[in-house]
Each structure stands twice: as structure tokens, then as C-alpha cells.
N, C-alpha and C. Protein backbone atom coordinates (compact mmCIF):
# COMPACT_ATOMS: atom_id res chain seq x y z
N UNK A 1 129.96 121.81 96.97
CA UNK A 1 130.34 120.72 97.98
C UNK A 1 131.19 120.86 99.00
N UNK A 2 130.86 120.61 100.05
CA UNK A 2 132.23 120.73 100.80
C UNK A 2 132.51 119.76 102.09
N UNK A 3 133.85 119.59 101.84
CA UNK A 3 134.16 118.00 102.16
C UNK A 3 135.43 117.51 102.79
N UNK A 4 136.10 116.90 103.47
CA UNK A 4 137.35 116.77 104.21
C UNK A 4 138.25 115.88 102.98
N UNK A 5 139.40 116.17 103.11
CA UNK A 5 140.31 115.42 101.48
C UNK A 5 140.22 113.98 101.85
N UNK A 6 139.83 113.79 102.36
CA UNK A 6 140.00 112.47 102.67
C UNK A 6 138.33 111.33 101.65
N UNK A 7 137.26 112.37 102.61
CA UNK A 7 136.19 112.16 101.99
C UNK A 7 135.97 112.30 100.37
N UNK A 8 136.71 113.69 99.33
CA UNK A 8 136.21 114.29 98.85
C UNK A 8 137.34 112.84 97.15
N UNK A 9 138.33 111.98 98.32
CA UNK A 9 139.38 111.16 97.51
C UNK A 9 138.95 109.92 97.24
N UNK A 10 137.58 110.10 98.04
CA UNK A 10 137.33 108.89 97.45
C UNK A 10 135.92 108.82 96.74
N UNK A 11 136.09 110.25 95.85
CA UNK A 11 134.67 110.42 95.31
C UNK A 11 135.72 111.17 94.08
N UNK A 12 134.62 110.53 92.85
CA UNK A 12 134.73 110.70 91.53
C UNK A 12 133.94 112.56 90.73
N UNK A 13 134.06 113.40 91.89
CA UNK A 13 133.47 114.33 91.97
C UNK A 13 133.60 115.34 90.64
N UNK A 14 132.22 115.22 89.50
CA UNK A 14 132.28 116.05 88.71
C UNK A 14 132.99 117.49 88.19
N UNK A 15 133.94 117.25 87.47
CA UNK A 15 134.72 119.21 87.87
C UNK A 15 133.42 120.34 87.64
N UNK A 16 132.22 120.11 86.88
CA UNK A 16 130.98 121.13 86.82
C UNK A 16 131.31 121.61 88.40
N UNK A 17 130.77 120.70 90.01
CA UNK A 17 130.28 120.92 91.39
C UNK A 17 131.55 121.29 91.77
N UNK A 18 131.95 123.00 91.95
CA UNK A 18 132.63 123.65 92.84
C UNK A 18 132.61 122.79 94.81
N UNK A 19 134.12 122.74 94.61
CA UNK A 19 134.04 122.10 96.13
C UNK A 19 134.71 123.00 97.25
N UNK A 20 134.42 123.05 98.14
CA UNK A 20 135.49 123.37 99.21
C UNK A 20 136.18 122.27 100.22
N UNK A 21 137.66 122.31 100.04
CA UNK A 21 137.91 121.52 101.20
C UNK A 21 137.33 122.71 102.65
N UNK A 22 137.68 121.50 103.70
CA UNK A 22 137.06 121.78 105.32
C UNK A 22 137.69 120.44 105.71
N UNK A 23 137.79 121.03 107.02
CA UNK A 23 137.96 120.01 107.98
C UNK A 23 136.67 119.57 108.81
N UNK A 24 137.03 118.76 109.56
CA UNK A 24 135.36 118.00 110.11
C UNK A 24 134.62 119.23 111.15
N UNK A 25 135.31 120.06 111.99
CA UNK A 25 134.83 121.01 112.76
C UNK A 25 134.06 121.48 111.66
N UNK A 26 134.43 122.25 110.70
CA UNK A 26 133.61 123.10 109.95
C UNK A 26 132.75 122.15 109.53
N UNK A 27 132.92 120.76 108.99
CA UNK A 27 131.84 120.85 108.29
C UNK A 27 130.45 120.46 109.29
N UNK A 28 131.17 120.57 110.42
CA UNK A 28 129.77 120.65 111.11
C UNK A 28 129.13 121.65 112.02
N UNK A 29 129.66 122.76 111.31
CA UNK A 29 128.80 123.68 111.84
C UNK A 29 127.69 124.40 110.80
N UNK A 30 128.57 123.61 109.38
CA UNK A 30 127.50 124.02 107.82
C UNK A 30 125.79 122.90 108.06
N UNK A 31 125.68 122.28 109.21
CA UNK A 31 125.01 121.27 109.23
C UNK A 31 123.66 121.79 110.94
N UNK A 32 123.18 121.11 110.62
CA UNK A 32 122.48 121.04 111.91
C UNK A 32 122.81 119.98 113.32
N UNK A 33 122.08 120.06 114.13
CA UNK A 33 123.27 119.58 115.11
C UNK A 33 123.21 118.13 115.28
N UNK A 34 121.95 117.28 114.19
CA UNK A 34 121.38 116.05 114.58
C UNK A 34 122.03 115.85 112.82
N UNK A 35 122.34 116.18 112.30
CA UNK A 35 122.74 115.76 110.88
C UNK A 35 124.01 115.09 110.61
N UNK A 36 124.58 113.98 110.65
CA UNK A 36 126.22 113.64 110.65
C UNK A 36 126.15 113.67 108.98
N UNK A 37 127.59 114.32 109.07
CA UNK A 37 127.86 114.72 108.11
C UNK A 37 129.17 113.47 106.97
N UNK A 38 129.89 112.80 107.92
CA UNK A 38 130.71 111.85 107.69
C UNK A 38 131.59 112.33 106.49
N UNK A 39 131.41 113.73 106.64
CA UNK A 39 133.11 114.34 106.02
C UNK A 39 132.38 114.91 104.20
N UNK A 40 130.98 115.12 104.12
CA UNK A 40 130.60 115.60 103.28
C UNK A 40 129.42 116.47 103.29
N UNK A 41 129.64 117.37 102.76
CA UNK A 41 128.26 118.68 103.08
C UNK A 41 127.56 119.22 101.16
N UNK A 42 126.90 118.85 101.05
CA UNK A 42 126.51 119.64 100.19
C UNK A 42 125.27 119.80 99.91
N UNK A 43 125.15 121.48 99.11
CA UNK A 43 123.54 122.35 99.62
C UNK A 43 123.16 122.04 97.98
N UNK A 44 121.82 121.68 98.58
CA UNK A 44 120.45 120.79 97.57
C UNK A 44 119.22 121.81 97.80
N UNK A 45 118.58 122.01 96.85
CA UNK A 45 116.97 122.29 96.98
C UNK A 45 116.24 121.32 97.83
N UNK A 46 115.52 121.54 98.24
CA UNK A 46 114.61 121.33 98.68
C UNK A 46 113.66 120.60 98.33
N UNK A 47 112.82 119.26 98.98
CA UNK A 47 112.35 118.13 98.49
C UNK A 47 111.18 118.89 98.16
N UNK A 48 110.46 118.36 97.14
CA UNK A 48 108.99 119.23 96.05
C UNK A 48 107.62 119.16 97.27
N UNK A 49 107.30 120.00 97.34
CA UNK A 49 105.58 119.36 98.29
C UNK A 49 104.92 118.80 96.93
N UNK A 50 104.51 117.49 97.73
CA UNK A 50 103.34 117.36 97.31
C UNK A 50 101.54 117.38 97.83
N UNK A 51 100.71 117.47 96.27
CA UNK A 51 99.56 117.49 96.91
C UNK A 51 98.96 116.17 97.29
N UNK A 52 97.70 115.87 97.83
CA UNK A 52 96.96 114.89 97.98
C UNK A 52 96.63 114.63 96.69
N UNK A 53 95.78 115.66 96.13
CA UNK A 53 94.88 114.88 94.95
C UNK A 53 96.34 114.68 93.85
N UNK A 54 97.74 115.20 93.55
CA UNK A 54 98.54 114.65 92.86
C UNK A 54 98.50 113.05 93.54
N UNK A 55 98.91 112.63 94.07
CA UNK A 55 98.96 111.76 94.93
C UNK A 55 98.17 110.73 94.62
N UNK A 56 97.08 110.93 94.71
CA UNK A 56 95.96 109.60 94.29
C UNK A 56 95.81 109.80 93.04
N UNK A 57 95.98 111.28 92.19
CA UNK A 57 95.93 110.74 90.82
C UNK A 57 97.21 109.98 90.26
N UNK A 58 98.32 109.72 90.75
CA UNK A 58 99.37 109.05 89.91
C UNK A 58 99.14 107.54 90.98
N UNK A 59 98.33 107.61 91.24
CA UNK A 59 98.36 106.52 92.10
C UNK A 59 96.97 105.43 91.74
N UNK A 60 95.89 106.22 90.92
CA UNK A 60 94.89 105.77 90.26
C UNK A 60 94.62 104.44 89.92
N UNK A 61 95.74 103.74 88.87
CA UNK A 61 95.49 102.75 87.89
C UNK A 61 96.41 101.56 89.25
N UNK A 62 96.56 101.58 90.45
CA UNK A 62 97.41 100.70 90.51
C UNK A 62 97.38 100.66 92.13
N UNK A 63 97.53 99.51 92.64
CA UNK A 63 97.08 98.56 93.71
C UNK A 63 98.31 98.53 95.30
N UNK A 64 98.92 100.06 95.14
CA UNK A 64 99.66 100.05 96.01
C UNK A 64 99.07 101.18 97.36
N UNK A 65 99.07 100.44 98.42
CA UNK A 65 98.19 101.26 99.56
C UNK A 65 99.40 102.67 100.05
N UNK A 66 98.04 103.11 100.82
CA UNK A 66 98.56 104.30 101.73
C UNK A 66 98.89 104.63 102.93
N UNK A 67 99.98 104.99 103.26
CA UNK A 67 100.11 104.87 105.09
C UNK A 67 99.72 106.15 105.31
N UNK A 68 99.00 106.38 106.58
CA UNK A 68 98.34 107.95 107.12
C UNK A 68 99.01 107.48 108.73
N UNK A 69 99.49 108.54 108.60
CA UNK A 69 99.74 108.56 110.60
C UNK A 69 99.42 109.75 111.01
N UNK A 70 98.26 109.35 112.27
CA UNK A 70 98.12 110.85 113.00
C UNK A 70 98.46 111.33 114.27
N UNK A 71 99.50 112.41 113.97
CA UNK A 71 100.07 112.81 115.13
C UNK A 71 101.49 112.15 115.43
N UNK A 72 101.54 111.32 114.30
CA UNK A 72 102.84 110.33 114.56
C UNK A 72 104.09 111.70 114.61
N UNK A 73 104.80 112.59 115.65
CA UNK A 73 105.76 113.24 115.65
C UNK A 73 107.16 112.82 116.12
N UNK A 74 107.31 111.79 116.92
CA UNK A 74 108.79 110.93 116.62
C UNK A 74 109.31 111.34 115.20
N UNK A 75 110.76 111.82 114.61
CA UNK A 75 111.77 111.40 113.25
C UNK A 75 111.60 110.43 113.49
N UNK A 76 112.70 109.67 114.11
CA UNK A 76 112.73 108.36 114.72
C UNK A 76 112.30 107.11 113.83
N UNK A 77 110.51 107.39 114.29
CA UNK A 77 109.13 106.59 114.10
C UNK A 77 109.14 106.81 112.57
N UNK A 78 108.64 108.17 112.11
CA UNK A 78 108.15 108.67 110.84
C UNK A 78 109.57 107.92 109.78
N UNK A 79 110.91 107.77 110.19
CA UNK A 79 111.63 108.08 109.65
C UNK A 79 111.76 106.21 108.64
N UNK A 80 111.62 105.23 110.20
CA UNK A 80 111.24 104.02 109.70
C UNK A 80 109.80 103.86 109.28
N UNK A 81 108.78 104.67 109.53
CA UNK A 81 107.50 103.96 108.87
C UNK A 81 108.30 104.49 106.62
N UNK A 82 109.00 105.37 106.88
CA UNK A 82 109.31 105.98 105.03
C UNK A 82 110.07 104.55 105.13
N UNK A 83 110.70 104.22 105.62
CA UNK A 83 111.77 103.21 105.03
C UNK A 83 111.06 101.88 104.58
N UNK A 84 110.08 101.88 105.68
CA UNK A 84 108.81 100.42 105.29
C UNK A 84 108.28 100.72 104.22
N UNK A 85 107.73 102.15 104.29
CA UNK A 85 106.79 102.42 102.66
C UNK A 85 107.74 102.03 101.70
N UNK A 86 108.84 102.07 101.69
CA UNK A 86 109.84 102.18 100.02
C UNK A 86 109.93 100.88 100.03
N UNK A 87 110.08 100.21 100.95
CA UNK A 87 110.43 98.61 101.16
C UNK A 87 109.63 97.74 100.11
N UNK A 88 108.16 98.19 101.00
CA UNK A 88 106.64 97.59 99.98
C UNK A 88 106.04 98.88 99.13
N UNK A 89 106.96 99.74 98.25
CA UNK A 89 106.06 99.87 97.58
C UNK A 89 104.93 100.97 97.64
N UNK A 90 104.65 101.18 99.26
CA UNK A 90 103.37 102.02 99.30
C UNK A 90 103.61 103.28 98.16
N UNK A 91 102.32 104.07 98.00
CA UNK A 91 102.07 104.69 96.89
C UNK A 91 102.75 106.73 97.93
N UNK A 92 102.53 106.24 99.10
CA UNK A 92 103.05 107.37 99.98
C UNK A 92 102.40 107.46 101.78
N UNK A 93 102.67 108.55 102.10
CA UNK A 93 102.18 108.88 103.25
C UNK A 93 101.81 110.07 103.37
N UNK A 94 100.76 109.93 104.66
CA UNK A 94 100.41 111.36 104.81
C UNK A 94 100.58 111.69 106.18
N UNK A 95 100.37 112.71 106.33
CA UNK A 95 100.33 113.04 107.92
C UNK A 95 100.19 114.44 108.14
N UNK A 96 99.60 114.95 109.01
CA UNK A 96 98.88 116.43 109.47
C UNK A 96 100.21 117.46 109.12
N UNK A 97 100.09 118.50 108.85
CA UNK A 97 101.27 119.17 108.92
C UNK A 97 101.59 120.03 110.08
N UNK A 98 100.89 120.09 110.75
CA UNK A 98 100.92 120.81 112.55
C UNK A 98 101.38 119.88 113.50
N UNK A 99 101.47 118.50 113.37
CA UNK A 99 101.06 117.77 113.94
C UNK A 99 102.40 116.37 113.44
N UNK A 100 103.01 116.35 112.98
CA UNK A 100 104.55 115.68 112.01
C UNK A 100 105.80 116.73 111.94
N UNK A 101 107.00 115.21 112.05
CA UNK A 101 108.23 116.52 112.23
C UNK A 101 109.01 117.09 110.89
N UNK A 102 109.60 117.31 111.03
CA UNK A 102 110.56 118.46 109.75
C UNK A 102 111.21 116.93 109.49
N UNK A 103 111.45 117.36 108.03
CA UNK A 103 112.55 116.46 107.49
C UNK A 103 114.06 116.81 108.11
N UNK A 104 114.43 116.41 109.03
CA UNK A 104 116.09 116.26 109.63
C UNK A 104 116.85 115.56 109.39
N UNK A 105 117.59 115.37 109.68
CA UNK A 105 118.42 114.85 109.85
C UNK A 105 118.44 113.54 110.69
N UNK A 106 117.55 113.74 111.61
CA UNK A 106 117.12 112.40 112.41
C UNK A 106 116.28 111.38 111.67
N UNK A 107 115.54 112.41 110.97
CA UNK A 107 114.53 111.56 110.57
C UNK A 107 115.28 111.02 109.09
N UNK A 108 116.01 111.30 108.56
CA UNK A 108 116.78 111.11 106.81
C UNK A 108 117.19 109.99 107.41
N UNK A 109 117.79 109.84 108.78
CA UNK A 109 119.24 108.85 108.96
C UNK A 109 117.97 107.29 109.17
N UNK A 110 117.10 107.96 110.04
CA UNK A 110 116.21 106.55 109.54
C UNK A 110 115.74 106.16 108.93
N UNK A 111 114.92 106.53 108.25
CA UNK A 111 114.62 106.70 106.56
C UNK A 111 115.31 105.89 105.48
N UNK A 112 116.65 106.21 106.22
CA UNK A 112 117.71 105.31 105.14
C UNK A 112 117.56 105.58 103.48
N UNK A 113 117.46 106.63 103.03
CA UNK A 113 117.64 107.01 101.73
C UNK A 113 116.13 106.89 101.38
N UNK A 114 114.74 106.75 102.39
CA UNK A 114 113.44 106.58 101.39
C UNK A 114 113.22 107.78 101.36
N UNK A 115 113.32 109.19 101.99
CA UNK A 115 112.38 109.96 102.35
C UNK A 115 113.06 110.56 100.99
N UNK A 116 113.70 110.44 99.81
CA UNK A 116 114.25 110.59 98.91
C UNK A 116 113.00 110.19 97.65
N UNK A 117 112.48 108.92 98.27
CA UNK A 117 112.09 108.20 97.33
C UNK A 117 110.14 108.16 97.04
N UNK A 118 109.73 107.71 98.75
CA UNK A 118 108.17 107.99 99.07
C UNK A 118 107.86 108.95 98.96
N UNK A 119 106.66 109.68 98.44
CA UNK A 119 105.79 110.47 98.58
C UNK A 119 105.42 111.67 99.73
N UNK A 120 105.29 112.16 100.26
CA UNK A 120 105.11 112.50 101.86
C UNK A 120 103.78 113.31 101.03
N UNK A 121 103.02 113.88 101.86
CA UNK A 121 102.00 115.06 101.46
C UNK A 121 101.62 115.50 103.03
N UNK A 122 101.69 116.16 103.36
CA UNK A 122 101.15 117.17 104.34
C UNK A 122 99.66 117.75 104.52
N UNK A 123 99.44 117.24 105.52
CA UNK A 123 97.78 118.05 105.37
C UNK A 123 97.31 118.73 105.64
N UNK A 124 96.22 120.04 106.01
CA UNK A 124 96.15 120.68 107.26
C UNK A 124 95.11 119.91 108.25
N UNK A 125 93.80 119.58 107.67
CA UNK A 125 92.28 118.42 108.06
C UNK A 125 93.05 117.07 107.67
N UNK A 126 92.85 116.47 108.37
CA UNK A 126 93.44 115.02 108.48
C UNK A 126 91.69 114.04 107.96
N UNK A 127 91.16 115.07 108.75
CA UNK A 127 89.69 114.09 108.46
C UNK A 127 89.21 114.33 107.32
N UNK A 128 89.37 115.59 106.86
CA UNK A 128 88.99 116.04 105.05
C UNK A 128 89.72 114.74 103.91
N UNK A 129 91.39 114.89 104.61
CA UNK A 129 92.41 113.98 103.81
C UNK A 129 91.82 112.71 103.86
N UNK A 130 91.01 112.09 104.73
CA UNK A 130 90.80 110.71 104.88
C UNK A 130 89.11 110.35 104.08
N UNK A 131 88.64 111.25 103.71
CA UNK A 131 87.49 111.69 103.28
C UNK A 131 87.93 111.21 101.26
N UNK A 132 88.77 111.90 101.26
CA UNK A 132 89.08 112.85 99.88
C UNK A 132 89.80 111.47 99.80
N UNK A 133 90.56 110.69 100.38
CA UNK A 133 91.34 109.09 100.12
C UNK A 133 89.93 108.40 99.90
N UNK A 134 89.11 108.10 100.60
CA UNK A 134 87.69 107.70 100.39
C UNK A 134 87.39 107.75 98.79
N UNK A 135 87.04 108.67 99.14
CA UNK A 135 86.50 109.06 97.19
C UNK A 135 87.23 108.45 96.84
N UNK A 136 88.64 108.13 96.18
CA UNK A 136 89.41 108.13 95.64
C UNK A 136 89.43 106.13 95.58
N UNK A 137 88.35 105.58 95.98
CA UNK A 137 88.45 103.87 96.30
C UNK A 137 89.24 103.29 97.34
N UNK A 138 90.10 103.90 98.14
CA UNK A 138 90.91 103.40 99.25
C UNK A 138 89.68 102.97 100.38
N UNK A 139 90.11 101.45 100.43
CA UNK A 139 89.29 101.25 102.44
C UNK A 139 90.15 101.44 103.23
N UNK A 140 89.71 102.66 103.98
CA UNK A 140 90.48 102.71 105.36
C UNK A 140 90.27 102.08 106.58
N UNK A 141 91.75 101.38 106.42
CA UNK A 141 91.60 100.39 108.27
C UNK A 141 92.55 101.38 108.82
N UNK A 142 91.87 101.23 110.46
CA UNK A 142 92.39 101.95 111.51
C UNK A 142 93.42 100.69 111.97
N UNK A 143 94.48 100.38 112.27
CA UNK A 143 95.18 99.70 113.03
C UNK A 143 94.79 100.22 114.42
N UNK A 144 94.32 99.46 115.53
CA UNK A 144 94.00 99.98 116.71
C UNK A 144 94.75 98.89 117.69
N UNK A 145 94.79 98.65 118.76
CA UNK A 145 94.89 97.41 119.29
C UNK A 145 93.38 96.74 120.19
N UNK A 146 92.14 98.02 120.38
CA UNK A 146 90.89 97.95 120.97
C UNK A 146 89.95 97.70 119.94
N UNK A 147 90.11 96.94 118.44
CA UNK A 147 89.57 96.66 117.53
C UNK A 147 89.61 95.06 117.78
N UNK A 148 88.07 94.58 117.62
CA UNK A 148 87.75 93.12 117.74
C UNK A 148 88.09 92.41 116.64
N UNK A 149 88.84 92.57 115.24
CA UNK A 149 88.40 91.94 114.33
C UNK A 149 90.35 91.93 114.27
N UNK A 150 91.30 90.78 113.57
CA UNK A 150 92.54 91.19 112.86
C UNK A 150 92.49 91.86 111.55
N UNK A 151 93.45 92.20 111.70
CA UNK A 151 93.52 92.59 109.92
C UNK A 151 93.36 91.50 108.84
N UNK A 152 93.75 90.93 108.84
CA UNK A 152 94.08 89.49 107.89
C UNK A 152 91.98 89.54 107.83
N UNK A 153 91.31 89.99 108.79
CA UNK A 153 89.97 89.16 108.75
C UNK A 153 89.17 90.69 107.99
N UNK A 154 90.03 91.65 108.16
CA UNK A 154 89.79 93.51 107.36
C UNK A 154 89.79 93.54 105.98
N UNK A 155 91.22 92.90 106.04
CA UNK A 155 92.08 93.63 104.24
C UNK A 155 91.29 93.65 103.38
N UNK A 156 90.36 92.45 102.80
CA UNK A 156 89.17 92.10 102.22
C UNK A 156 90.05 92.60 100.75
N UNK A 157 89.53 93.75 99.64
CA UNK A 157 90.12 93.40 98.00
C UNK A 157 90.48 95.11 97.53
N UNK A 158 89.92 95.39 98.38
CA UNK A 158 89.78 96.97 98.00
C UNK A 158 91.38 97.72 97.73
N UNK A 159 91.81 98.77 97.79
CA UNK A 159 92.66 99.46 97.33
C UNK A 159 92.75 99.53 99.21
N UNK A 160 94.16 99.74 99.75
CA UNK A 160 93.95 99.92 101.18
C UNK A 160 94.66 101.05 101.58
N UNK A 161 94.37 101.80 102.21
CA UNK A 161 94.95 102.77 103.29
C UNK A 161 94.63 102.47 104.58
N UNK A 162 96.54 102.30 105.20
CA UNK A 162 96.20 102.43 106.73
C UNK A 162 96.79 103.45 107.40
N UNK A 163 96.04 103.80 108.53
CA UNK A 163 95.55 104.21 109.74
C UNK A 163 96.51 104.14 110.29
N UNK A 164 97.17 104.90 111.36
CA UNK A 164 97.68 104.57 112.71
C UNK A 164 98.31 105.91 113.73
N UNK A 165 98.10 105.47 114.86
CA UNK A 165 98.08 106.59 115.64
C UNK A 165 99.33 106.76 116.13
N UNK A 166 99.40 107.90 117.03
CA UNK A 166 100.85 108.03 118.19
C UNK A 166 100.72 106.89 118.95
N UNK A 167 101.88 106.57 119.19
CA UNK A 167 102.49 105.87 120.15
C UNK A 167 102.36 105.85 120.87
N UNK A 168 101.36 104.69 122.35
CA UNK A 168 100.89 105.55 123.47
C UNK A 168 99.45 105.83 123.35
N UNK A 169 99.13 107.08 122.64
CA UNK A 169 97.82 107.66 122.58
C UNK A 169 97.13 107.48 121.54
N UNK A 170 97.18 106.41 120.22
CA UNK A 170 96.86 106.05 119.35
C UNK A 170 96.19 106.90 118.52
N UNK A 171 94.73 106.74 117.96
CA UNK A 171 94.76 107.35 116.88
C UNK A 171 93.52 108.32 117.83
N UNK A 172 93.31 109.60 117.53
CA UNK A 172 92.39 110.09 117.90
C UNK A 172 90.94 109.58 117.30
N UNK A 173 89.67 110.54 118.34
CA UNK A 173 88.61 109.22 118.24
C UNK A 173 87.77 110.11 116.90
N UNK A 174 88.19 111.12 116.57
CA UNK A 174 87.62 111.64 115.07
C UNK A 174 88.68 110.47 113.89
N UNK A 175 90.08 110.15 114.10
CA UNK A 175 90.12 110.02 113.02
C UNK A 175 89.36 108.72 112.98
N UNK A 176 89.28 107.87 113.93
CA UNK A 176 88.48 106.61 114.03
C UNK A 176 87.46 106.57 113.02
N UNK A 177 86.89 107.88 113.68
CA UNK A 177 85.31 107.62 113.18
C UNK A 177 85.36 107.75 111.60
N UNK A 178 86.72 108.36 111.14
CA UNK A 178 86.51 108.71 109.22
C UNK A 178 87.38 107.11 108.67
N UNK A 179 87.20 106.55 109.58
CA UNK A 179 88.16 104.53 108.90
C UNK A 179 86.82 103.85 108.71
N UNK A 180 87.11 103.03 107.90
CA UNK A 180 85.83 102.25 107.10
C UNK A 180 85.89 101.11 108.50
N UNK A 181 86.75 100.68 108.50
CA UNK A 181 87.01 99.81 109.38
C UNK A 181 88.49 100.02 111.15
N UNK A 182 88.06 99.17 111.57
CA UNK A 182 89.32 99.14 112.59
C UNK A 182 89.82 97.62 112.85
N UNK A 183 91.17 97.88 112.95
CA UNK A 183 91.97 96.17 112.81
C UNK A 183 93.24 96.42 114.38
N UNK A 184 93.31 95.53 114.51
CA UNK A 184 94.01 94.99 114.96
C UNK A 184 95.37 94.20 114.92
N UNK A 185 96.24 93.57 115.07
CA UNK A 185 97.49 92.77 115.00
C UNK A 185 97.53 91.64 116.06
N UNK A 186 97.08 90.60 115.72
CA UNK A 186 97.19 89.04 116.33
C UNK A 186 98.32 89.47 117.26
N UNK A 187 99.06 90.39 118.12
CA UNK A 187 99.85 90.34 119.25
C UNK A 187 99.41 89.39 120.22
N UNK A 188 100.74 89.17 121.10
CA UNK A 188 100.76 88.69 122.35
C UNK A 188 100.41 89.31 123.43
N UNK A 189 99.31 88.67 123.87
CA UNK A 189 98.65 89.84 125.45
C UNK A 189 99.41 90.39 126.41
N UNK A 190 100.85 89.51 126.49
CA UNK A 190 102.23 89.78 127.03
C UNK A 190 102.40 91.38 126.71
N UNK A 191 102.32 91.68 125.77
CA UNK A 191 102.92 92.71 125.31
C UNK A 191 101.75 93.60 125.08
N UNK A 192 101.52 95.28 125.23
CA UNK A 192 100.32 95.61 125.12
C UNK A 192 100.45 96.33 123.69
N UNK A 193 101.73 96.66 123.09
CA UNK A 193 101.16 97.64 122.04
C UNK A 193 102.83 97.26 120.93
N UNK A 194 102.94 97.45 119.88
CA UNK A 194 104.08 97.47 119.29
C UNK A 194 104.61 98.87 118.53
N UNK A 195 105.52 99.37 118.44
CA UNK A 195 106.21 100.57 118.24
C UNK A 195 105.33 100.92 116.78
N UNK A 196 105.03 102.15 116.42
CA UNK A 196 104.15 102.59 115.32
C UNK A 196 104.99 101.67 113.98
N UNK A 197 106.39 101.50 113.65
CA UNK A 197 107.27 101.56 112.79
C UNK A 197 107.19 99.62 112.35
N UNK A 198 107.47 99.75 113.53
CA UNK A 198 107.17 97.73 113.48
C UNK A 198 105.66 97.86 113.31
N UNK A 199 104.68 98.19 113.24
CA UNK A 199 103.05 98.06 113.02
C UNK A 199 102.87 98.65 111.82
N UNK A 200 103.57 99.50 111.62
CA UNK A 200 103.43 99.59 110.02
C UNK A 200 103.80 99.00 108.81
N UNK A 201 105.15 98.27 109.28
CA UNK A 201 105.71 97.17 108.39
C UNK A 201 104.93 95.85 108.62
N UNK A 202 104.39 95.77 109.89
CA UNK A 202 103.69 94.20 109.05
C UNK A 202 102.54 95.08 108.45
N UNK A 203 101.29 95.43 108.64
CA UNK A 203 100.78 96.16 107.75
C UNK A 203 100.81 96.21 106.03
N UNK A 204 101.80 96.89 105.75
CA UNK A 204 102.48 96.67 104.56
C UNK A 204 102.51 95.09 104.10
N UNK A 205 103.52 94.52 105.15
CA UNK A 205 103.44 93.34 104.50
C UNK A 205 102.03 92.04 104.14
N UNK A 206 101.29 92.71 104.96
CA UNK A 206 99.98 91.75 105.11
C UNK A 206 99.32 92.33 103.20
N UNK A 207 99.56 93.88 102.95
CA UNK A 207 98.93 93.82 102.17
C UNK A 207 100.02 93.85 100.41
N UNK A 208 100.73 93.69 100.93
CA UNK A 208 101.84 93.31 99.41
C UNK A 208 101.61 91.68 99.31
N UNK A 209 101.02 91.14 100.25
CA UNK A 209 101.10 89.79 100.21
C UNK A 209 99.73 89.32 99.50
N UNK A 210 98.72 89.86 99.91
CA UNK A 210 97.50 90.35 99.45
C UNK A 210 97.41 90.12 98.09
N UNK A 211 97.95 91.63 97.82
CA UNK A 211 98.59 92.22 96.08
C UNK A 211 99.04 90.78 95.31
N UNK A 212 99.91 90.25 96.01
CA UNK A 212 101.07 89.34 95.31
C UNK A 212 100.05 88.07 94.98
N UNK A 213 98.67 87.50 95.79
CA UNK A 213 98.32 87.01 95.99
C UNK A 213 97.12 86.52 94.85
N UNK A 214 96.81 88.06 94.39
CA UNK A 214 95.77 88.01 93.67
C UNK A 214 96.15 88.11 91.26
């Protein structure tokens, strides 16, 4: 652990952890430019990889929803989705490995601690992953503005996987074909769309409300 004297003085650091005093400029050189250190830097192991099959097995006997993100690359949006997923006790989020942001300081800051709480699965092929999700008993609802039904009309009683596309581009056509239904949020026609993290939060709230009422 490296830290300024002021920051370390505010902590009760166990003696087993080696500590090196450093000034703020030195700490800034130890971390990426987008990572706020707030006077402390600690070296830790990377988060463990999670496989989709393991995640689906873990949630086999509960009603927690899944979030599937199609080519959402903005770290602030993914971090905010993780935060909402933690708040509404989602089973996890699934992204395509080549079209998702790295676990950066900006993402962790937006997630506000949820990066360490919510399982995050990166898959090679999102369409195949959606097939596997369906085989596990999830009803795949794609949120898109051009759907004819609202989310409340499609949510049903099954376990839910909410699928969302990148802001502006939306879901790819192949991703839409791997959804069981498409649904929209009943927003005003004065607004073209919501930020994806806001849409995910509303969708998760709808699922949580349904689950509480069962």
C-alpha cells in the first residue's frame, strides 16, 4: 500500500500490510490517469473471470434478472448500469468482450462499488449467449424505442433478461432476433430516448416490483 501521511493516518492499517509513504504526485504515477487515488493506492489481484454457464447455474433457483448489453462501450454508462444492477439485486451483466470497456478507474467510479459486487460476464458471441440464457429459462426482453408494446405489457411471469443496445445505435438486428419480445418504455414523444443506464434502471425496477408482488 502506498499513501500520503494524511490519508494513512486516517486509517487503521493492519501491521501485516506493508506501507510506503508517498506524496500525491508519486501516487498519480502509480495509477492510470483516469483513476482517482484520493491519497491511497493499493495493489490487488484482478477480479476473477466469470463464465456464463457458472452464472446461470448460480441463479438457477432464484428470480434475479440479467442485464445483457449489446456493444455498450462507454465506461460511465456501463459503470452506472452496474450500480443499478447492484441496487436491484441483478444476477449479473453480460457483454461482448470485444465491444465493452475495460475495468478502468472511470468505470469503477461510476459503478460506486458495484464493480466488485455484480458478476460481469464477457462473451465472444452475444447471440449464442442469448440462446444459452433462453435455455436456462429466461424470457429475453429487448428494450427499444420502435417496439409496439411497453415493458409492463411484456414482462409476464418468467425470469427476465433485459437486453439493451448502445445509445444512439440501439441493438443490432441479430441481437433483436435473439430476443423473445421487444418492449419500449412509455416516455414522452418529446424525448427521443433515455440514457442506457437510466433505461436499465427503470427496467430493473419494473422486474423488482413484479417480483415483490408475486
